[in-house]
């Protein structure tokens, strides 16, 4: 059995490597065709373009691994069925679970590796990729420093502090703005719950304005909206911020904690956090689902059929998972359920298919 397990595992790993390589190559070619015009217009150096796509590879691999696992499962078992090797194994008394064990083991290891990469490698590579694109290629200024908590900005006559920047909605929350006069004496202190950007200015909402004279407050006004012509741009904030789609589990958990402490609803980000845990295990689910599909096809399982079935199942999974996750982000479903529901549905389908196979 050790020899047989090594044989199945080696065959599976070869095909899996080819599938991952094919998916990554197609992804890079399409992305290259989309971005090369903009990069050429920016007169980017070849080495920076190469580094940009190199930094993108870890994120691409984590995205395509579940689909590659499914396709490799179908192609491996389909190939063994066509050459009657599955029949020979079963004739020797080897059960289907024992034949599938090496594939499931490799898929489980791939899920753990993807989970680790999403937490450690992908955020770091994404940050580097953003720096290469925006600073080295597009030649934007790297001098604006941003932190997710306690954001400070200063120009000639204003000092602004914001508690949070929300990348998905491009808004600042918990804003305090000091406007200065001659000798850097405070003229107005403006406190706002929210700030949105448009028409080269920030529009502050739910504003409390205190007007100073000789160091004393002489008037307090409450306003619904108040426009402020700050030099701070959204691109400056986005440049050093990792969007939530590229945060790891711990970073998202910390972000949710900050939102809760600030009195904001973290449901959207809790759903995304749980999806960071559930999505890597899609690889194991795809293998578990692909095994009965491949074995049911028997010797009729061709390469074209295996590719078509894997693409259909894979895209169905990601569409259903995206829909359920959107329900969780909107609060229609609990975040944990919305993140894990697709895995449970497809795992149940795999169990049903496995039960219909003659063991």
Protein backbone atom coordinates (compact mmCIF):
# COMPACT_ATOMS: atom_id res chain seq x y z
CA UNK A 1 0.00 0.00 0.00
CA UNK A 2 2.90 2.37 0.59
CA UNK A 3 4.06 1.84 -2.99
CA UNK A 4 0.53 2.29 -4.33
CA UNK A 5 -0.01 5.40 -2.20
CA UNK A 6 3.25 6.93 -3.44
CA UNK A 7 2.30 6.11 -7.03
CA UNK A 8 -1.12 7.78 -6.77
CA UNK A 9 0.34 10.75 -4.87
CA UNK A 10 3.15 11.30 -7.39
CA UNK A 11 0.74 11.07 -10.33
CA UNK A 12 -1.64 13.48 -8.62
CA UNK A 13 1.09 15.98 -7.72
CA UNK A 14 2.37 16.08 -11.31
CA UNK A 15 -1.08 16.83 -12.70
CA UNK A 16 -1.80 19.30 -9.88
CA UNK A 17 1.40 21.19 -10.66
CA UNK A 18 0.42 21.38 -14.33
CA UNK A 19 -3.07 22.62 -13.44
CA UNK A 20 -1.81 25.31 -11.08
CA UNK A 21 0.79 26.39 -13.62
CA UNK A 22 -1.83 26.58 -16.38
CA UNK A 23 -4.27 28.62 -14.29
CA UNK A 24 -1.55 31.00 -13.08
CA UNK A 25 -0.27 31.46 -16.64
CA UNK A 26 -3.73 32.24 -18.02
CA UNK A 27 -4.39 34.66 -15.15
CA UNK A 28 -1.08 36.47 -15.69
CA UNK A 29 -1.56 36.71 -19.45
CA UNK A 30 -5.02 38.25 -19.09
CA UNK A 31 -3.85 40.63 -16.36
CA UNK A 32 -0.80 41.57 -18.42
CA UNK A 33 -2.96 42.41 -21.43
CA UNK A 34 -5.17 44.60 -19.23
CA UNK A 35 -2.35 46.53 -17.57
CA UNK A 36 0.42 46.76 -20.16
CA UNK A 37 -1.15 49.78 -21.90
CA UNK A 38 -1.28 51.78 -18.67
CA UNK A 39 2.23 50.70 -17.70
CA UNK A 40 3.57 51.67 -21.13
CA UNK A 41 1.85 55.05 -20.88
CA UNK A 42 3.57 55.57 -17.51
CA UNK A 43 6.92 54.66 -19.15
CA UNK A 44 7.50 51.93 -16.59
CA UNK A 45 10.77 50.06 -16.54
CA UNK A 46 10.70 46.39 -17.56
CA UNK A 47 12.13 45.24 -14.23
CA UNK A 48 9.37 46.96 -12.28
CA UNK A 49 6.69 45.41 -14.49
CA UNK A 50 8.28 42.00 -13.92
CA UNK A 51 8.44 42.56 -10.15
CA UNK A 52 4.80 43.66 -10.12
CA UNK A 53 3.57 40.42 -11.67
CA UNK A 54 6.01 38.36 -9.60
CA UNK A 55 4.52 39.81 -6.40
CA UNK A 56 1.06 38.98 -7.69
CA UNK A 57 1.76 35.25 -8.06
CA UNK A 58 1.21 34.23 -4.37
CA UNK A 59 -2.27 35.74 -4.38
CA UNK A 60 -3.10 34.12 -7.72
CA UNK A 61 -1.99 30.69 -6.50
CA UNK A 62 -4.22 30.87 -3.42
CA UNK A 63 -7.18 31.85 -5.62
CA UNK A 64 -6.77 29.12 -8.24
CA UNK A 65 -5.71 26.25 -5.95
CA UNK A 66 -9.26 24.94 -5.22
CA UNK A 67 -10.09 24.83 -8.93
CA UNK A 68 -6.73 23.23 -9.72
CA UNK A 69 -7.29 20.63 -6.98
CA UNK A 70 -10.67 19.72 -8.47
CA UNK A 71 -9.33 19.47 -12.01
CA UNK A 72 -6.31 17.44 -10.92
CA UNK A 73 -8.58 15.04 -9.01
CA UNK A 74 -10.81 14.46 -12.02
CA UNK A 75 -7.89 14.09 -14.43
CA UNK A 76 -5.88 11.78 -12.16
CA UNK A 77 -8.67 9.37 -11.34
CA UNK A 78 -10.07 9.62 -14.85
CA UNK A 79 -6.68 8.66 -16.26
CA UNK A 80 -6.33 5.73 -13.87
CA UNK A 81 -9.82 4.56 -14.84
CA UNK A 82 -9.11 4.76 -18.58
CA UNK A 83 -6.00 2.58 -18.19
CA UNK A 84 -7.97 0.11 -16.03
CA UNK A 85 -5.66 0.73 -13.07
CA UNK A 86 -8.62 1.51 -10.80
CA UNK A 87 -10.19 -1.80 -11.85
CA UNK A 88 -6.94 -3.64 -11.12
CA UNK A 89 -6.64 -2.03 -7.68
CA UNK A 90 -10.20 -2.94 -6.77
CA UNK A 91 -9.63 -6.46 -8.08
CA UNK A 92 -6.79 -6.79 -5.56
CA UNK A 93 -9.20 -5.92 -2.75
CA UNK A 94 -8.23 -2.27 -2.36
CA UNK A 95 -11.22 -0.12 -1.43
CA UNK A 96 -12.07 3.25 -2.98
CA UNK A 97 -11.43 5.14 0.29
CA UNK A 98 -7.90 3.74 0.37
CA UNK A 99 -7.35 4.72 -3.26
CA UNK A 100 -8.63 8.24 -2.56
CA UNK A 101 -6.66 8.69 0.69
CA UNK A 102 -3.46 10.11 -0.93
CA UNK A 103 -5.52 12.68 -2.88
CA UNK A 104 -7.46 13.78 0.18
CA UNK A 105 -4.26 14.00 2.24
CA UNK A 106 -2.55 16.20 -0.34
CA UNK A 107 -5.67 18.36 -0.62
CA UNK A 108 -5.81 18.83 3.14
CA UNK A 109 -2.14 19.86 3.20
CA UNK A 110 -2.87 22.27 0.33
CA UNK A 111 -5.72 23.79 2.38
CA UNK A 112 -3.43 24.36 5.37
CA UNK A 113 -0.74 25.82 3.09
CA UNK A 114 -3.29 28.17 1.52
CA UNK A 115 -4.48 29.25 4.97
CA UNK A 116 -0.88 30.03 5.96
CA UNK A 117 -0.20 31.88 2.71
CA UNK A 118 -3.35 33.99 3.04
CA UNK A 119 -2.27 35.02 6.53
CA UNK A 120 1.44 35.61 5.96
CA UNK A 121 2.53 35.69 2.30
CA UNK A 122 -0.38 37.22 0.40
CA UNK A 123 -0.78 40.44 2.47
CA UNK A 124 2.97 41.11 2.32
CA UNK A 125 3.18 40.45 -1.43
CA UNK A 126 0.11 42.61 -2.04
CA UNK A 127 1.59 45.52 -0.10
CA UNK A 128 4.80 45.22 -2.10
CA UNK A 129 2.84 44.97 -5.35
CA UNK A 130 0.90 48.15 -4.52
CA UNK A 131 4.11 50.00 -3.74
CA UNK A 132 5.67 48.91 -7.05
CA UNK A 133 2.60 49.92 -9.04
CA UNK A 134 1.88 53.26 -7.41
CA UNK A 135 5.37 54.50 -6.52
CA UNK A 136 7.83 52.83 -8.90
CA UNK A 137 5.60 52.51 -11.98
CA UNK A 138 3.02 55.31 -11.67
CA UNK A 139 5.56 57.52 -9.86
CA UNK A 140 3.20 58.77 -7.15
CA UNK A 141 4.58 60.40 -4.04
CA UNK A 142 5.47 57.97 -1.22
CA UNK A 143 5.58 60.72 1.41
CA UNK A 144 2.05 60.47 2.83
CA UNK A 145 2.09 58.12 5.82
CA UNK A 146 -1.07 56.37 6.83
CA UNK A 147 -2.11 54.25 9.75
CA UNK A 148 -5.48 52.62 10.11
CA UNK A 149 -5.91 54.08 13.57
CA UNK A 150 -5.11 57.69 14.52
CA UNK A 151 -4.56 59.08 11.02
CA UNK A 152 -2.76 62.42 11.06
CA UNK A 153 -2.64 64.95 8.23
CA UNK A 154 -1.23 68.47 8.21
CA UNK A 155 -1.06 71.23 5.62
CA UNK A 156 -0.20 74.92 5.89
CA UNK A 157 -3.30 75.93 7.85
CA UNK A 158 -4.96 72.73 9.09
CA UNK A 159 -4.27 69.70 11.27
CA UNK A 160 -6.61 66.73 10.99
CA UNK A 161 -6.89 63.56 13.07
CA UNK A 162 -9.19 60.67 12.13
CA UNK A 163 -9.78 57.52 14.14
CA UNK A 164 -10.48 55.16 11.23
CA UNK A 165 -10.23 54.91 7.47
CA UNK A 166 -12.69 52.44 5.87
CA UNK A 167 -11.18 51.34 2.52
CA UNK A 168 -14.35 49.74 1.13
CA UNK A 169 -16.44 52.91 1.44
CA UNK A 170 -13.50 55.35 1.19
CA UNK A 171 -14.59 57.26 4.27
CA UNK A 172 -12.91 58.68 7.34
CA UNK A 173 -14.59 58.29 10.73
CA UNK A 174 -14.13 60.11 14.02
CA UNK A 175 -12.62 63.30 12.56
CA UNK A 176 -11.15 66.22 14.49
CA UNK A 177 -9.93 69.17 12.40
CA UNK A 178 -8.06 72.23 13.70
CA UNK A 179 -7.97 75.27 11.40
CA UNK A 180 -5.15 77.70 12.21
CA UNK A 181 -4.70 81.40 11.73
CA UNK A 182 -1.62 83.62 12.01
CA UNK A 183 1.04 82.32 14.37
CA UNK A 184 -0.60 78.88 14.29
CA UNK A 185 -3.31 80.07 16.65
CA UNK A 186 -6.49 77.93 16.49
CA UNK A 187 -9.38 79.59 14.69
CA UNK A 188 -11.83 76.70 14.58
CA UNK A 189 -12.08 73.19 15.95
CA UNK A 190 -14.32 70.94 13.86
CA UNK A 191 -15.50 67.53 15.04
CA UNK A 192 -17.30 65.26 12.57
CA UNK A 193 -18.60 61.70 12.72
CA UNK A 194 -17.90 61.00 9.04
CA UNK A 195 -16.00 62.40 6.09
CA UNK A 196 -16.50 61.59 2.39
CA UNK A 197 -14.36 62.72 -0.53
CA UNK A 198 -15.54 64.33 -3.78
CA UNK A 199 -14.85 67.30 -6.09
CA UNK A 200 -11.35 67.77 -4.61
CA UNK A 201 -12.67 68.36 -1.11
CA UNK A 202 -13.84 66.48 1.97
CA UNK A 203 -17.48 66.73 3.00
CA UNK A 204 -17.82 66.38 6.76
CA UNK A 205 -21.11 65.18 8.24
CA UNK A 206 -22.69 65.52 11.69
CA UNK A 207 -20.40 68.45 12.49
CA UNK A 208 -19.83 70.31 15.76
CA UNK A 209 -17.83 73.52 15.12
CA UNK A 210 -16.24 75.62 17.83
CA UNK A 211 -14.99 79.09 16.86
CA UNK A 212 -12.06 80.55 18.84
CA UNK A 213 -11.05 84.13 19.57
CA UNK A 214 -8.06 84.99 21.78
CA UNK A 215 -7.81 81.35 22.80
CA UNK A 216 -11.42 81.12 23.99
CA UNK A 217 -14.50 79.50 22.47
CA UNK A 218 -16.85 82.26 21.35
CA UNK A 219 -19.39 80.23 19.38
CA UNK A 220 -20.49 76.62 18.94
CA UNK A 221 -22.44 75.55 15.85
CA UNK A 222 -23.94 72.21 14.83
CA UNK A 223 -24.10 71.47 11.10
CA UNK A 224 -25.32 68.54 9.04
CA UNK A 225 -22.66 69.04 6.32
CA UNK A 226 -19.52 71.11 6.08
CA UNK A 227 -17.11 71.09 3.07
CA UNK A 228 -13.40 71.32 3.78
CA UNK A 229 -10.77 71.88 1.00
CA UNK A 230 -8.00 69.67 2.41
CA UNK A 231 -5.05 68.57 0.32
CA UNK A 232 -5.46 64.96 1.46
CA UNK A 233 -6.52 62.68 -1.41
CA UNK A 234 -8.10 59.23 -1.44
CA UNK A 235 -5.15 57.90 -3.46
CA UNK A 236 -2.84 58.95 -0.64
CA UNK A 237 -4.91 56.96 1.84
CA UNK A 238 -5.33 53.93 -0.40
CA UNK A 239 -1.66 53.79 -1.32
CA UNK A 240 -0.39 52.55 2.01
CA UNK A 241 -3.58 50.90 3.19
CA UNK A 242 -4.20 47.21 2.66
CA UNK A 243 -7.78 46.80 1.48
CA UNK A 244 -9.80 44.36 3.51
CA UNK A 245 -9.73 41.90 0.62
CA UNK A 246 -6.02 41.52 1.27
CA UNK A 247 -5.93 41.45 5.06
CA UNK A 248 -5.14 38.30 6.96
CA UNK A 249 -7.34 36.76 9.63
CA UNK A 250 -5.60 38.43 12.56
CA UNK A 251 -5.57 41.82 10.85
CA UNK A 252 -9.28 41.59 10.11
CA UNK A 253 -10.02 40.51 13.68
CA UNK A 254 -8.11 43.53 14.97
CA UNK A 255 -9.96 45.78 12.53
CA UNK A 256 -13.34 44.41 13.69
CA UNK A 257 -12.35 45.00 17.31
CA UNK A 258 -11.50 48.62 16.52
CA UNK A 259 -14.83 49.11 14.78
CA UNK A 260 -16.70 47.68 17.77
CA UNK A 261 -14.78 49.87 20.20
CA UNK A 262 -15.62 52.88 18.06
CA UNK A 263 -19.32 52.00 18.06
CA UNK A 264 -19.45 50.94 14.39
CA UNK A 265 -21.05 47.79 12.94
CA UNK A 266 -18.35 45.21 12.05
CA UNK A 267 -20.72 42.64 10.45
CA UNK A 268 -19.34 43.13 6.94
CA UNK A 269 -15.78 42.55 8.07
CA UNK A 270 -16.65 39.66 10.38
CA UNK A 271 -18.09 37.83 7.37
CA UNK A 272 -14.89 38.50 5.44
CA UNK A 273 -12.78 37.33 8.37
CA UNK A 274 -14.63 34.00 8.59
CA UNK A 275 -14.33 33.60 4.82
CA UNK A 276 -10.52 33.83 5.19
CA UNK A 277 -10.76 30.61 7.21
CA UNK A 278 -13.38 28.80 5.13
CA UNK A 279 -12.07 29.51 1.62
CA UNK A 280 -8.73 27.67 2.00
CA UNK A 281 -10.65 24.51 2.88
CA UNK A 282 -12.44 24.73 -0.45
CA UNK A 283 -9.46 22.75 -1.78
CA UNK A 284 -10.32 19.79 0.44
CA UNK A 285 -14.03 20.11 -0.46
CA UNK A 286 -13.22 20.17 -4.19
CA UNK A 287 -11.12 17.00 -3.89
CA UNK A 288 -13.81 15.26 -1.87
CA UNK A 289 -16.40 16.24 -4.47
CA UNK A 290 -14.22 15.41 -7.46
CA UNK A 291 -13.46 11.83 -6.40
CA UNK A 292 -17.00 10.42 -6.80
CA UNK A 293 -17.49 12.46 -10.00
CA UNK A 294 -14.37 10.89 -11.54
CA UNK A 295 -15.15 7.36 -10.39
CA UNK A 296 -18.74 7.53 -11.61
CA UNK A 297 -17.47 8.35 -15.09
CA UNK A 298 -15.31 5.24 -15.17
CA UNK A 299 -13.34 4.59 -18.35
CA UNK A 300 -15.43 7.14 -20.25
CA UNK A 301 -13.85 10.01 -18.29
CA UNK A 302 -11.81 11.91 -20.86
CA UNK A 303 -9.57 14.92 -20.42
CA UNK A 304 -12.04 17.30 -22.06
CA UNK A 305 -14.86 16.01 -19.86
CA UNK A 306 -12.72 16.33 -16.74
CA UNK A 307 -11.82 19.93 -17.57
CA UNK A 308 -15.43 20.85 -18.38
CA UNK A 309 -16.82 19.27 -15.20
CA UNK A 310 -14.14 20.84 -12.99
CA UNK A 311 -14.77 24.31 -14.44
CA UNK A 312 -18.54 23.93 -14.04
CA UNK A 313 -18.28 22.74 -10.42
CA UNK A 314 -15.61 25.28 -9.52
CA UNK A 315 -17.45 28.27 -10.92
CA UNK A 316 -20.71 27.07 -9.33
CA UNK A 317 -18.96 26.94 -5.96
CA UNK A 318 -17.51 30.42 -6.22
CA UNK A 319 -20.79 31.95 -7.43
CA UNK A 320 -22.78 30.35 -4.59
CA UNK A 321 -20.11 31.25 -2.04
CA UNK A 322 -20.06 34.88 -3.22
CA UNK A 323 -23.85 35.12 -2.97
CA UNK A 324 -23.94 33.65 0.53
CA UNK A 325 -21.05 35.84 1.66
CA UNK A 326 -22.84 38.93 0.38
CA UNK A 327 -25.83 37.95 2.52
CA UNK A 328 -23.52 37.71 5.53
CA UNK A 329 -21.95 41.09 4.82
CA UNK A 330 -25.40 42.65 4.56
CA UNK A 331 -26.47 41.09 7.87
CA UNK A 332 -29.09 38.78 6.32
CA UNK A 333 -27.14 35.73 7.55
CA UNK A 334 -24.80 35.32 10.53
CA UNK A 335 -21.19 35.87 9.38
CA UNK A 336 -20.05 32.35 10.31
CA UNK A 337 -22.92 30.67 8.45
CA UNK A 338 -22.49 32.80 5.33
CA UNK A 339 -18.77 31.97 5.20
CA UNK A 340 -19.10 28.21 5.70
CA UNK A 341 -22.45 27.49 4.00
CA UNK A 342 -21.00 26.85 0.52
CA UNK A 343 -18.43 24.42 1.95
CA UNK A 344 -21.19 22.55 3.78
CA UNK A 345 -23.44 22.41 0.70
CA UNK A 346 -20.75 21.02 -1.59
CA UNK A 347 -19.44 18.65 1.10
CA UNK A 348 -22.98 17.27 1.49
CA UNK A 349 -23.18 16.85 -2.28
CA UNK A 350 -19.89 14.96 -2.19
CA UNK A 351 -21.20 12.67 0.57
CA UNK A 352 -24.33 11.92 -1.44
CA UNK A 353 -22.32 11.13 -4.58
CA UNK A 354 -19.91 8.93 -2.62
CA UNK A 355 -22.83 6.95 -1.19
CA UNK A 356 -24.13 6.19 -4.67
CA UNK A 357 -20.84 4.58 -5.77
CA UNK A 358 -20.44 0.85 -5.52
CA UNK A 359 -17.63 0.41 -2.98
